Protein backbone atom coordinates (compact mmCIF):
# COMPACT_ATOMS: atom_id res chain seq x y z
CA MET A 1 -49.90 11.34 -14.10
CA TYR A 2 -50.16 13.26 -17.37
CA PRO A 3 -47.68 11.71 -19.83
CA VAL A 4 -44.94 14.07 -21.02
CA VAL A 5 -43.33 13.49 -24.42
CA LEU A 6 -40.30 15.39 -25.71
CA THR A 7 -39.57 16.08 -29.36
CA ILE A 8 -36.13 17.23 -30.52
CA ALA A 9 -36.47 18.40 -34.11
CA GLY A 10 -36.55 21.26 -36.61
CA SER A 11 -39.18 23.97 -36.90
CA ASP A 12 -41.45 24.14 -39.97
CA PRO A 13 -43.07 27.58 -40.42
CA SER A 14 -45.83 26.09 -42.59
CA GLY A 15 -46.91 23.94 -39.64
CA GLY A 16 -47.05 20.64 -41.52
CA ALA A 17 -43.88 18.88 -40.40
CA GLY A 18 -41.19 18.97 -37.73
CA ILE A 19 -41.88 20.32 -34.25
CA GLN A 20 -45.28 21.65 -35.29
CA ALA A 21 -46.53 18.29 -36.57
CA ASP A 22 -45.18 16.56 -33.46
CA LEU A 23 -46.96 18.90 -31.05
CA LYS A 24 -50.25 18.58 -32.94
CA THR A 25 -49.92 14.80 -32.78
CA PHE A 26 -49.17 14.88 -29.05
CA MET A 27 -52.28 16.97 -28.48
CA ALA A 28 -54.39 14.50 -30.47
CA TYR A 29 -52.99 11.70 -28.29
CA GLU A 30 -53.71 13.70 -25.12
CA VAL A 31 -50.11 13.75 -23.93
CA TYR A 32 -48.17 16.86 -22.95
CA GLY A 33 -45.63 17.86 -25.57
CA THR A 34 -42.33 19.60 -24.90
CA ALA A 35 -39.97 20.65 -27.68
CA VAL A 36 -36.30 21.35 -28.33
CA ILE A 37 -35.67 23.10 -31.65
CA THR A 38 -32.53 22.03 -33.53
CA ALA A 39 -32.98 24.08 -36.71
CA VAL A 40 -35.17 26.81 -38.12
CA THR A 41 -36.20 25.83 -41.62
CA ALA A 42 -37.74 27.90 -44.39
CA GLN A 43 -40.25 25.58 -46.06
CA ASN A 44 -43.84 25.32 -47.16
CA THR A 45 -46.06 22.91 -49.07
CA ARG A 46 -43.92 23.46 -52.19
CA GLY A 47 -40.65 22.36 -50.61
CA VAL A 48 -37.66 23.34 -48.49
CA ARG A 49 -35.97 26.68 -49.17
CA ALA A 50 -33.34 26.69 -46.44
CA VAL A 51 -32.21 24.97 -43.25
CA ASN A 52 -30.61 27.06 -40.52
CA PRO A 53 -29.16 24.89 -37.71
CA LEU A 54 -29.17 26.39 -34.23
CA PRO A 55 -25.84 26.54 -32.38
CA PRO A 56 -25.28 23.31 -30.44
CA GLU A 57 -25.04 25.18 -27.14
CA TRP A 58 -28.57 26.54 -27.69
CA VAL A 59 -29.81 23.02 -28.35
CA ARG A 60 -28.16 21.83 -25.15
CA GLU A 61 -29.63 24.64 -23.03
CA GLN A 62 -33.14 23.89 -24.29
CA LEU A 63 -32.67 20.18 -23.66
CA VAL A 64 -31.33 20.65 -20.12
CA ALA A 65 -34.19 23.03 -19.30
CA VAL A 66 -36.76 20.40 -20.26
CA LEU A 67 -35.05 17.36 -18.75
CA GLU A 68 -34.47 19.03 -15.38
CA ASP A 69 -38.07 20.18 -14.95
CA LEU A 70 -40.37 18.09 -17.16
CA PRO A 71 -38.92 14.56 -17.38
CA PRO A 72 -40.40 12.82 -20.42
CA LEU A 73 -41.88 9.34 -20.58
CA ALA A 74 -40.82 9.09 -24.24
CA ILE A 75 -38.46 11.03 -26.50
CA LYS A 76 -38.67 11.53 -30.25
CA LEU A 77 -35.66 12.71 -32.25
CA GLY A 78 -36.25 14.30 -35.64
CA LEU A 79 -33.91 16.55 -37.61
CA LEU A 80 -30.40 16.65 -36.14
CA PRO A 81 -28.82 18.80 -38.86
CA THR A 82 -25.13 18.86 -37.95
CA PRO A 83 -22.56 16.52 -36.43
CA ALA A 84 -22.17 19.00 -33.54
CA CYS A 85 -25.91 18.86 -32.87
CA ILE A 86 -25.89 15.06 -32.90
CA GLN A 87 -22.96 15.05 -30.48
CA VAL A 88 -24.56 17.43 -27.98
CA VAL A 89 -27.92 15.63 -28.05
CA ALA A 90 -26.29 12.22 -27.50
CA GLU A 91 -24.09 13.50 -24.69
CA THR A 92 -26.88 15.37 -22.91
CA LEU A 93 -29.38 12.52 -23.09
CA SER A 94 -26.75 10.12 -21.77
CA ALA A 95 -25.71 12.51 -18.98
CA TYR A 96 -29.32 12.71 -17.78
CA GLY A 97 -29.84 8.95 -17.98
CA TYR A 98 -31.94 8.87 -21.16
CA ASP A 99 -30.19 5.97 -22.84
CA SER A 100 -32.40 3.05 -23.87
CA SER A 101 -29.77 0.63 -22.60
CA LEU A 102 -29.98 2.22 -19.13
CA THR A 103 -33.60 3.35 -18.76
CA SER A 104 -37.09 2.21 -19.67
CA VAL A 105 -37.85 5.58 -21.30
CA PRO A 106 -38.14 4.85 -25.04
CA VAL A 107 -36.21 6.92 -27.57
CA ILE A 108 -37.66 7.04 -31.10
CA VAL A 109 -35.52 8.32 -33.97
CA ASP A 110 -37.03 9.62 -37.20
CA PRO A 111 -33.78 9.96 -39.20
CA VAL A 112 -34.69 13.09 -41.10
CA GLY A 113 -31.87 13.69 -43.54
CA VAL A 114 -33.66 14.04 -46.86
CA ALA A 115 -36.90 15.92 -47.45
CA SER A 116 -39.64 14.34 -49.58
CA SER A 117 -38.64 16.79 -52.30
CA GLY A 118 -35.10 15.39 -52.25
CA HIS A 119 -33.62 18.44 -50.46
CA LEU A 120 -30.75 17.43 -48.16
CA LEU A 121 -31.50 18.60 -44.62
CA ALA A 122 -28.46 17.28 -42.74
CA GLU A 123 -24.77 17.99 -43.26
CA PRO A 124 -22.21 15.43 -44.48
CA GLY A 125 -21.06 13.13 -41.71
CA CYS A 126 -24.45 13.03 -40.00
CA PRO A 127 -25.50 9.50 -41.09
CA GLU A 128 -22.28 7.95 -39.81
CA LEU A 129 -22.39 9.81 -36.49
CA LEU A 130 -26.09 9.08 -36.03
CA LYS A 131 -25.36 5.37 -36.36
CA GLU A 132 -22.33 5.60 -34.10
CA ILE A 133 -23.66 7.53 -31.09
CA ILE A 134 -27.45 7.97 -31.40
CA LEU A 135 -28.75 4.60 -32.57
CA PRO A 136 -27.06 2.68 -29.72
CA GLN A 137 -29.27 4.76 -27.36
CA THR A 138 -32.41 4.18 -29.42
CA THR A 139 -35.49 2.00 -28.96
CA LEU A 140 -36.82 2.38 -32.53
CA VAL A 141 -35.67 4.06 -35.72
CA THR A 142 -38.31 4.82 -38.39
CA PRO A 143 -36.70 5.41 -41.81
CA ASN A 144 -38.60 5.68 -45.07
CA LEU A 145 -36.86 4.49 -48.24
CA PRO A 146 -34.82 7.68 -48.87
CA GLU A 147 -33.84 7.75 -45.19
CA LEU A 148 -32.90 4.07 -45.20
CA PHE A 149 -30.68 4.80 -48.19
CA PHE A 150 -29.36 7.88 -46.33
CA LEU A 151 -28.35 5.71 -43.36
CA THR A 152 -27.11 2.57 -45.12
CA GLY A 153 -26.04 3.68 -48.59
CA ARG A 154 -28.30 1.05 -50.17
CA SER A 155 -30.95 1.64 -52.84
CA PHE A 156 -34.07 -0.41 -53.64
CA THR A 157 -37.72 -0.19 -54.61
CA LEU A 158 -40.78 -1.55 -52.84
CA SER A 159 -42.42 -3.60 -55.57
CA THR A 160 -43.40 -6.63 -53.50
CA ASP A 161 -44.78 -7.21 -50.03
CA PHE A 162 -41.45 -8.21 -48.53
CA GLN A 163 -38.41 -6.75 -50.20
CA PRO A 164 -35.36 -8.76 -49.10
CA GLU A 165 -33.14 -5.72 -49.61
CA VAL A 166 -35.31 -3.62 -47.27
CA ILE A 167 -35.11 -6.28 -44.57
CA ALA A 168 -31.36 -6.67 -45.12
CA ALA A 169 -30.87 -2.91 -44.77
CA GLY A 170 -32.96 -2.90 -41.60
CA LYS A 171 -30.93 -5.75 -40.14
CA SER A 172 -27.74 -3.84 -40.90
CA LEU A 173 -29.03 -1.00 -38.73
CA LEU A 174 -29.64 -3.43 -35.87
CA GLY A 175 -25.89 -3.92 -35.94
CA SER A 176 -25.49 -0.32 -34.80
CA GLY A 177 -27.22 -1.09 -31.51
CA VAL A 178 -30.77 0.13 -32.13
CA LYS A 179 -33.35 -2.28 -30.69
CA ALA A 180 -35.79 -2.17 -33.63
CA VAL A 181 -36.19 -0.71 -37.13
CA LEU A 182 -39.51 0.26 -38.73
CA ALA A 183 -38.87 0.49 -42.48
CA LYS A 184 -41.74 2.55 -43.88
CA GLY A 185 -43.31 1.70 -47.22
CA GLY A 186 -45.01 4.99 -47.97
CA HIS A 187 -42.67 5.69 -50.90
CA GLY A 188 -43.45 2.35 -52.52
CA GLY A 189 -46.17 1.48 -55.00
CA GLY A 190 -49.11 -0.88 -55.01
CA GLU A 191 -52.45 -1.02 -53.27
CA TRP A 192 -50.99 -1.50 -49.81
CA SER A 193 -48.63 0.66 -47.79
CA ILE A 194 -46.49 -1.84 -45.88
CA ASP A 195 -44.23 -0.92 -42.98
CA ILE A 196 -41.80 -3.63 -41.86
CA LEU A 197 -40.70 -3.95 -38.23
CA ILE A 198 -37.30 -5.62 -37.90
CA SER A 199 -35.94 -6.59 -34.48
CA ALA A 200 -34.18 -9.40 -32.66
CA GLN A 201 -37.63 -10.91 -32.09
CA GLY A 202 -38.21 -11.27 -35.83
CA ILE A 203 -40.01 -9.48 -38.65
CA LYS A 204 -43.57 -8.18 -38.64
CA ASP A 205 -45.43 -6.14 -41.24
CA PHE A 206 -48.08 -3.47 -40.67
CA ARG A 207 -50.39 -2.89 -43.64
CA SER A 208 -52.87 -0.23 -44.60
CA ARG A 209 -54.53 0.62 -47.88
CA ARG A 210 -52.50 3.23 -49.70
CA ILE A 211 -54.03 6.70 -49.74
CA TRP A 212 -53.51 8.19 -53.19
CA THR A 213 -53.18 11.93 -52.66
CA GLN A 214 -50.86 14.76 -53.61
CA HIS A 215 -50.90 15.82 -49.97
CA GLY A 216 -49.02 14.34 -47.04
CA HIS A 217 -46.54 16.95 -45.82
CA GLY A 218 -45.19 15.74 -42.46
CA THR A 219 -46.37 12.12 -42.67
CA GLY A 220 -43.14 10.64 -41.30
CA CYS A 221 -42.89 13.20 -38.49
CA THR A 222 -46.47 12.45 -37.49
CA LEU A 223 -45.99 8.67 -37.46
CA SER A 224 -42.91 8.75 -35.24
CA ALA A 225 -44.54 11.29 -32.91
CA ALA A 226 -47.63 9.09 -32.63
CA ILE A 227 -45.50 6.05 -31.80
CA ALA A 228 -43.68 8.03 -29.10
CA ALA A 229 -46.99 9.23 -27.66
CA GLY A 230 -48.35 5.68 -27.58
CA LEU A 231 -45.25 4.42 -25.80
CA ALA A 232 -45.55 7.25 -23.26
CA ARG A 233 -49.06 5.96 -22.57
CA GLY A 234 -47.53 2.62 -21.67
CA TRP A 235 -48.49 0.69 -24.80
CA PRO A 236 -46.25 -2.13 -26.06
CA LEU A 237 -44.23 -1.24 -29.15
CA GLU A 238 -46.32 -3.21 -31.64
CA LYS A 239 -49.57 -1.71 -30.32
CA ALA A 240 -48.07 1.79 -30.50
CA ILE A 241 -47.02 1.21 -34.12
CA LYS A 242 -50.38 -0.27 -35.11
CA LYS A 243 -52.31 2.62 -33.56
CA ALA A 244 -49.93 5.20 -35.03
CA LYS A 245 -50.33 3.77 -38.52
CA ARG A 246 -54.11 3.93 -38.18
CA TYR A 247 -53.87 7.51 -36.94
CA VAL A 248 -51.66 8.57 -39.85
CA THR A 249 -53.86 6.76 -42.39
CA ARG A 250 -56.92 8.65 -41.17
CA ALA A 251 -55.06 11.96 -40.98
CA LEU A 252 -53.76 11.40 -44.52
CA ALA A 253 -57.19 10.44 -45.86
CA ASN A 254 -58.43 13.79 -44.51
CA ALA A 255 -55.34 15.78 -45.52
CA LEU A 256 -55.89 19.50 -45.90
CA ALA A 257 -55.71 21.01 -49.38
CA LEU A 258 -53.74 24.04 -48.21
CA GLY A 259 -51.04 25.76 -50.23
CA ASP A 260 -49.94 25.05 -53.79
CA GLY A 261 -48.04 21.83 -53.13
CA SER A 262 -48.25 18.89 -50.73
CA GLY A 263 -50.71 19.95 -48.06
CA PRO A 264 -50.53 18.92 -44.38
CA LEU A 265 -52.29 16.09 -42.60
CA ASP A 266 -55.41 16.67 -40.54
CA HIS A 267 -54.07 15.95 -37.04
CA ARG A 268 -57.44 16.41 -35.34
CA CYS A 269 -58.30 12.70 -35.28
CA GLY A 270 -58.13 11.66 -31.63
CA TRP A 271 -56.32 8.49 -30.55
CA LYS A 272 -59.48 7.19 -28.88
CA ASP A 273 -61.09 6.97 -32.33
CA ILE A 274 -58.48 4.55 -33.67
């Protein structure tokens, strides 16, 4: 059986992030990607110009079309730009049985609310609703530092290997019902990029040497998509995270110097090579 993975996210016309990054990652992992677009953005390597959310009924129709014909083995949620969009996605996934408390199909949430440039992508009220009705259905949430602040209202810096405030913020998200939190350290400093997995089973860190580059557009989208693809292949969560981090590190080391700003990753590294 060819694994099917669904991404529900925004469209990036520059091809570096969002739906486009997810589908490139799925192809590299040799899984079949399906996509539901939640917003049409105007962005490039320089930054985000505008975010245009699609009407929630359009999001629902896309989602129903995929779920009824191409049932996924894993689902990745990216940009959910409005409370109405969050509501319709949560209700539709639940109606079709895609709730991590009811099914073995993993749901990965990349809580895209703030772009790397600092541009707000989601409307007010989204963090609270995401925690209330999406995270209880979720297997793993993958916030970076701005996104962790976006979800919890806390602020901190990654200056040591294990920041107690990062772990505390991650544990606070577990209280919303999500099974695990991967707090990403890409925005920190130091020689190592350290991602921290927080779950009821304990705390585990995943390390890689930091890649110093001006490029990296779509890094978070790519990581969460790679984790979803690995889970669709039947890998345990920790293996999927480890492989995804290796994939992103290689793609970032070979990032493409395209455009005038932060160029995209090179998604062509196959999963068999990592």
